[in-house]
């Protein structure tokens, strides 16, 4: 694994972990009132585009990181729609 690959992997892991506290809080409290649905919709769009980019260039850190991030953010959006 090259230093560039390691940097990409570190970025993907960090970006994915960044949303974990919000997911845990929403899971525990079911409170999404203060979350902006628009922000998470835009974030999902960005994650999806990064995922596609990763597929096109064959970068596993980008593919995996954004796929996991997309799944976590889908959870937030579903909970936001469900609990308002």
N, C-alpha and C. Protein backbone atom coordinates (compact mmCIF):
# COMPACT_ATOMS: atom_id res chain seq x y z
N UNK A 1 0.85 -1.18 0.00
CA UNK A 1 0.00 0.00 0.00
C UNK A 1 0.90 1.24 0.00
N UNK A 2 0.62 2.14 -0.90
CA UNK A 2 1.44 3.34 -1.04
C UNK A 2 1.05 4.38 0.01
N UNK A 3 1.92 5.37 0.25
CA UNK A 3 1.55 6.45 1.17
C UNK A 3 0.27 7.18 0.73
N UNK A 4 0.07 7.30 -0.56
CA UNK A 4 -1.15 7.93 -1.07
C UNK A 4 -2.38 7.11 -0.72
N UNK A 5 -2.27 5.78 -0.84
CA UNK A 5 -3.37 4.90 -0.46
C UNK A 5 -3.66 5.00 1.03
N UNK A 6 -2.61 5.06 1.83
CA UNK A 6 -2.78 5.19 3.28
C UNK A 6 -3.46 6.50 3.64
N UNK A 7 -3.09 7.57 2.96
CA UNK A 7 -3.73 8.86 3.20
C UNK A 7 -5.21 8.79 2.83
N UNK A 8 -5.53 8.19 1.71
CA UNK A 8 -6.92 8.03 1.30
C UNK A 8 -7.71 7.19 2.27
N UNK A 9 -7.10 6.13 2.76
CA UNK A 9 -7.76 5.27 3.74
C UNK A 9 -8.00 6.02 5.04
N UNK A 10 -7.01 6.78 5.50
CA UNK A 10 -7.16 7.57 6.73
C UNK A 10 -8.28 8.60 6.58
N UNK A 11 -8.34 9.24 5.42
CA UNK A 11 -9.40 10.23 5.17
C UNK A 11 -10.77 9.57 5.16
N UNK A 12 -10.88 8.41 4.53
CA UNK A 12 -12.16 7.70 4.45
C UNK A 12 -12.63 7.25 5.83
N UNK A 13 -11.72 6.70 6.62
CA UNK A 13 -12.07 6.24 7.96
C UNK A 13 -12.50 7.43 8.83
N UNK A 14 -11.73 8.51 8.78
CA UNK A 14 -12.05 9.69 9.58
C UNK A 14 -13.40 10.28 9.20
N UNK A 15 -13.66 10.42 7.92
CA UNK A 15 -14.94 10.98 7.46
C UNK A 15 -16.11 10.08 7.85
N UNK A 16 -15.91 8.78 7.81
CA UNK A 16 -16.96 7.84 8.17
C UNK A 16 -17.23 7.88 9.67
N UNK A 17 -16.18 7.91 10.46
CA UNK A 17 -16.32 7.96 11.92
C UNK A 17 -16.95 9.27 12.38
N UNK A 18 -16.76 10.34 11.62
CA UNK A 18 -17.25 11.66 12.02
C UNK A 18 -18.76 11.69 12.24
N UNK A 19 -19.50 10.92 11.49
CA UNK A 19 -20.96 10.92 11.62
C UNK A 19 -21.44 9.96 12.72
N UNK A 20 -20.57 9.09 13.20
CA UNK A 20 -20.96 8.08 14.18
C UNK A 20 -21.58 8.67 15.45
N UNK A 21 -21.03 9.74 16.05
CA UNK A 21 -21.67 10.28 17.25
C UNK A 21 -23.12 10.73 17.00
N UNK A 22 -23.38 11.30 15.83
CA UNK A 22 -24.75 11.73 15.52
C UNK A 22 -25.66 10.52 15.36
N UNK A 23 -25.18 9.48 14.70
CA UNK A 23 -25.97 8.26 14.52
C UNK A 23 -26.29 7.64 15.88
N UNK A 24 -25.30 7.56 16.75
CA UNK A 24 -25.51 6.99 18.09
C UNK A 24 -26.52 7.81 18.87
N UNK A 25 -26.39 9.13 18.82
CA UNK A 25 -27.32 10.00 19.55
C UNK A 25 -28.75 9.84 19.04
N UNK A 26 -28.92 9.83 17.73
CA UNK A 26 -30.26 9.67 17.15
C UNK A 26 -30.82 8.29 17.50
N UNK A 27 -29.98 7.28 17.46
CA UNK A 27 -30.41 5.92 17.79
C UNK A 27 -30.90 5.83 19.23
N UNK A 28 -30.19 6.47 20.14
CA UNK A 28 -30.55 6.42 21.56
C UNK A 28 -31.76 7.29 21.89
N UNK A 29 -31.80 8.51 21.36
CA UNK A 29 -32.82 9.47 21.77
C UNK A 29 -34.03 9.53 20.84
N UNK A 30 -33.88 9.09 19.61
CA UNK A 30 -34.93 9.21 18.58
C UNK A 30 -35.31 10.68 18.35
N UNK A 31 -34.44 11.59 18.74
CA UNK A 31 -34.70 13.03 18.60
C UNK A 31 -33.91 13.57 17.40
N UNK A 32 -34.64 14.03 16.40
CA UNK A 32 -34.00 14.59 15.20
C UNK A 32 -34.50 16.00 14.92
N UNK A 33 -35.22 16.57 15.85
CA UNK A 33 -35.86 17.87 15.65
C UNK A 33 -34.88 18.94 15.21
N UNK A 34 -33.69 18.98 15.79
CA UNK A 34 -32.73 20.03 15.50
C UNK A 34 -31.82 19.74 14.31
N UNK A 35 -32.04 18.62 13.64
CA UNK A 35 -31.23 18.28 12.47
C UNK A 35 -31.87 18.82 11.20
N UNK A 36 -31.06 19.35 10.32
CA UNK A 36 -31.55 19.88 9.05
C UNK A 36 -31.62 18.76 8.01
N UNK A 37 -32.82 18.48 7.54
CA UNK A 37 -32.99 17.44 6.52
C UNK A 37 -32.24 17.83 5.25
N UNK A 38 -32.30 19.10 4.89
CA UNK A 38 -31.62 19.57 3.69
C UNK A 38 -30.12 19.31 3.73
N UNK A 39 -29.52 19.53 4.88
CA UNK A 39 -28.08 19.28 5.02
C UNK A 39 -27.76 17.82 4.76
N UNK A 40 -28.55 16.93 5.31
CA UNK A 40 -28.28 15.50 5.15
C UNK A 40 -28.60 15.03 3.73
N UNK A 41 -29.57 15.64 3.07
CA UNK A 41 -29.84 15.30 1.66
C UNK A 41 -28.66 15.71 0.80
N UNK A 42 -28.13 16.92 1.04
CA UNK A 42 -26.95 17.37 0.28
C UNK A 42 -25.74 16.48 0.57
N UNK A 43 -25.58 16.09 1.83
CA UNK A 43 -24.47 15.21 2.20
C UNK A 43 -24.60 13.86 1.50
N UNK A 44 -25.81 13.33 1.45
CA UNK A 44 -26.03 12.06 0.74
C UNK A 44 -25.67 12.20 -0.74
N UNK A 45 -26.04 13.32 -1.33
CA UNK A 45 -25.70 13.56 -2.74
C UNK A 45 -24.19 13.57 -2.93
N UNK A 46 -23.48 14.27 -2.05
CA UNK A 46 -22.02 14.33 -2.14
C UNK A 46 -21.39 12.96 -1.95
N UNK A 47 -21.87 12.21 -0.97
CA UNK A 47 -21.33 10.87 -0.71
C UNK A 47 -21.56 9.96 -1.91
N UNK A 48 -22.73 10.05 -2.52
CA UNK A 48 -23.03 9.23 -3.68
C UNK A 48 -22.11 9.58 -4.85
N UNK A 49 -21.91 10.88 -5.07
CA UNK A 49 -21.01 11.30 -6.15
C UNK A 49 -19.58 10.85 -5.90
N UNK A 50 -19.10 10.96 -4.66
CA UNK A 50 -17.76 10.48 -4.32
C UNK A 50 -17.66 8.97 -4.52
N UNK A 51 -18.73 8.24 -4.16
CA UNK A 51 -18.77 6.80 -4.37
C UNK A 51 -18.62 6.47 -5.86
N UNK A 52 -19.39 7.18 -6.70
CA UNK A 52 -19.28 6.95 -8.15
C UNK A 52 -17.88 7.28 -8.66
N UNK A 53 -17.32 8.36 -8.18
CA UNK A 53 -15.96 8.74 -8.55
C UNK A 53 -14.97 7.63 -8.16
N UNK A 54 -15.13 7.10 -6.95
CA UNK A 54 -14.27 6.01 -6.50
C UNK A 54 -14.38 4.80 -7.41
N UNK A 55 -15.60 4.49 -7.84
CA UNK A 55 -15.79 3.37 -8.77
C UNK A 55 -15.06 3.63 -10.09
N UNK A 56 -15.19 4.85 -10.60
CA UNK A 56 -14.58 5.18 -11.89
C UNK A 56 -13.06 5.11 -11.86
N UNK A 57 -12.46 5.50 -10.73
CA UNK A 57 -10.99 5.48 -10.66
C UNK A 57 -10.46 4.22 -9.97
N UNK A 58 -11.37 3.38 -9.47
CA UNK A 58 -10.96 2.13 -8.83
C UNK A 58 -10.28 2.31 -7.49
N UNK A 59 -10.73 3.29 -6.72
CA UNK A 59 -10.13 3.57 -5.41
C UNK A 59 -10.99 2.97 -4.29
N UNK A 60 -10.50 1.86 -3.72
CA UNK A 60 -11.26 1.20 -2.66
C UNK A 60 -11.48 2.06 -1.43
N UNK A 61 -10.51 2.86 -0.98
CA UNK A 61 -10.80 3.73 0.18
C UNK A 61 -11.96 4.69 -0.09
N UNK A 62 -12.01 5.25 -1.28
CA UNK A 62 -13.11 6.17 -1.61
C UNK A 62 -14.42 5.41 -1.73
N UNK A 63 -14.40 4.26 -2.37
CA UNK A 63 -15.61 3.46 -2.55
C UNK A 63 -16.18 3.03 -1.20
N UNK A 64 -15.36 2.40 -0.39
CA UNK A 64 -15.82 1.85 0.89
C UNK A 64 -16.21 2.96 1.86
N UNK A 65 -15.36 3.96 1.99
CA UNK A 65 -15.65 5.06 2.92
C UNK A 65 -16.96 5.76 2.61
N UNK A 66 -17.20 6.02 1.34
CA UNK A 66 -18.42 6.72 0.96
C UNK A 66 -19.64 5.82 0.98
N UNK A 67 -19.48 4.54 0.72
CA UNK A 67 -20.60 3.61 0.83
C UNK A 67 -21.06 3.49 2.28
N UNK A 68 -20.11 3.36 3.19
CA UNK A 68 -20.46 3.27 4.62
C UNK A 68 -21.05 4.60 5.09
N UNK A 69 -20.43 5.70 4.70
CA UNK A 69 -20.95 7.02 5.07
C UNK A 69 -22.36 7.23 4.54
N UNK A 70 -22.61 6.79 3.32
CA UNK A 70 -23.94 6.89 2.72
C UNK A 70 -24.96 6.11 3.56
N UNK A 71 -24.61 4.89 3.94
CA UNK A 71 -25.52 4.06 4.74
C UNK A 71 -25.83 4.72 6.08
N UNK A 72 -24.81 5.25 6.74
CA UNK A 72 -25.02 5.90 8.03
C UNK A 72 -25.91 7.14 7.89
N UNK A 73 -25.69 7.89 6.84
CA UNK A 73 -26.49 9.09 6.64
C UNK A 73 -27.91 8.78 6.18
N UNK A 74 -28.09 7.68 5.47
CA UNK A 74 -29.45 7.23 5.13
C UNK A 74 -30.22 6.96 6.42
N UNK A 75 -29.56 6.34 7.38
CA UNK A 75 -30.20 6.08 8.68
C UNK A 75 -30.68 7.39 9.30
N UNK A 76 -29.82 8.40 9.30
CA UNK A 76 -30.18 9.70 9.87
C UNK A 76 -31.40 10.28 9.13
N UNK A 77 -31.39 10.23 7.81
CA UNK A 77 -32.49 10.79 7.02
C UNK A 77 -33.79 10.03 7.30
N UNK A 78 -33.73 8.71 7.35
CA UNK A 78 -34.92 7.91 7.65
C UNK A 78 -35.47 8.26 9.03
N UNK A 79 -34.59 8.38 10.00
CA UNK A 79 -35.02 8.75 11.35
C UNK A 79 -35.59 10.17 11.38
N UNK A 80 -35.00 11.08 10.63
CA UNK A 80 -35.50 12.45 10.56
C UNK A 80 -36.91 12.47 9.98
N UNK A 81 -37.13 11.70 8.92
CA UNK A 81 -38.46 11.63 8.31
C UNK A 81 -39.45 10.98 9.28
N UNK A 82 -39.01 9.94 9.96
CA UNK A 82 -39.89 9.21 10.88
C UNK A 82 -40.24 10.02 12.12
N UNK A 83 -39.24 10.67 12.73
CA UNK A 83 -39.45 11.35 14.01
C UNK A 83 -39.52 12.87 13.91
N UNK A 84 -39.25 13.41 12.72
CA UNK A 84 -39.34 14.86 12.51
C UNK A 84 -38.31 15.60 13.23
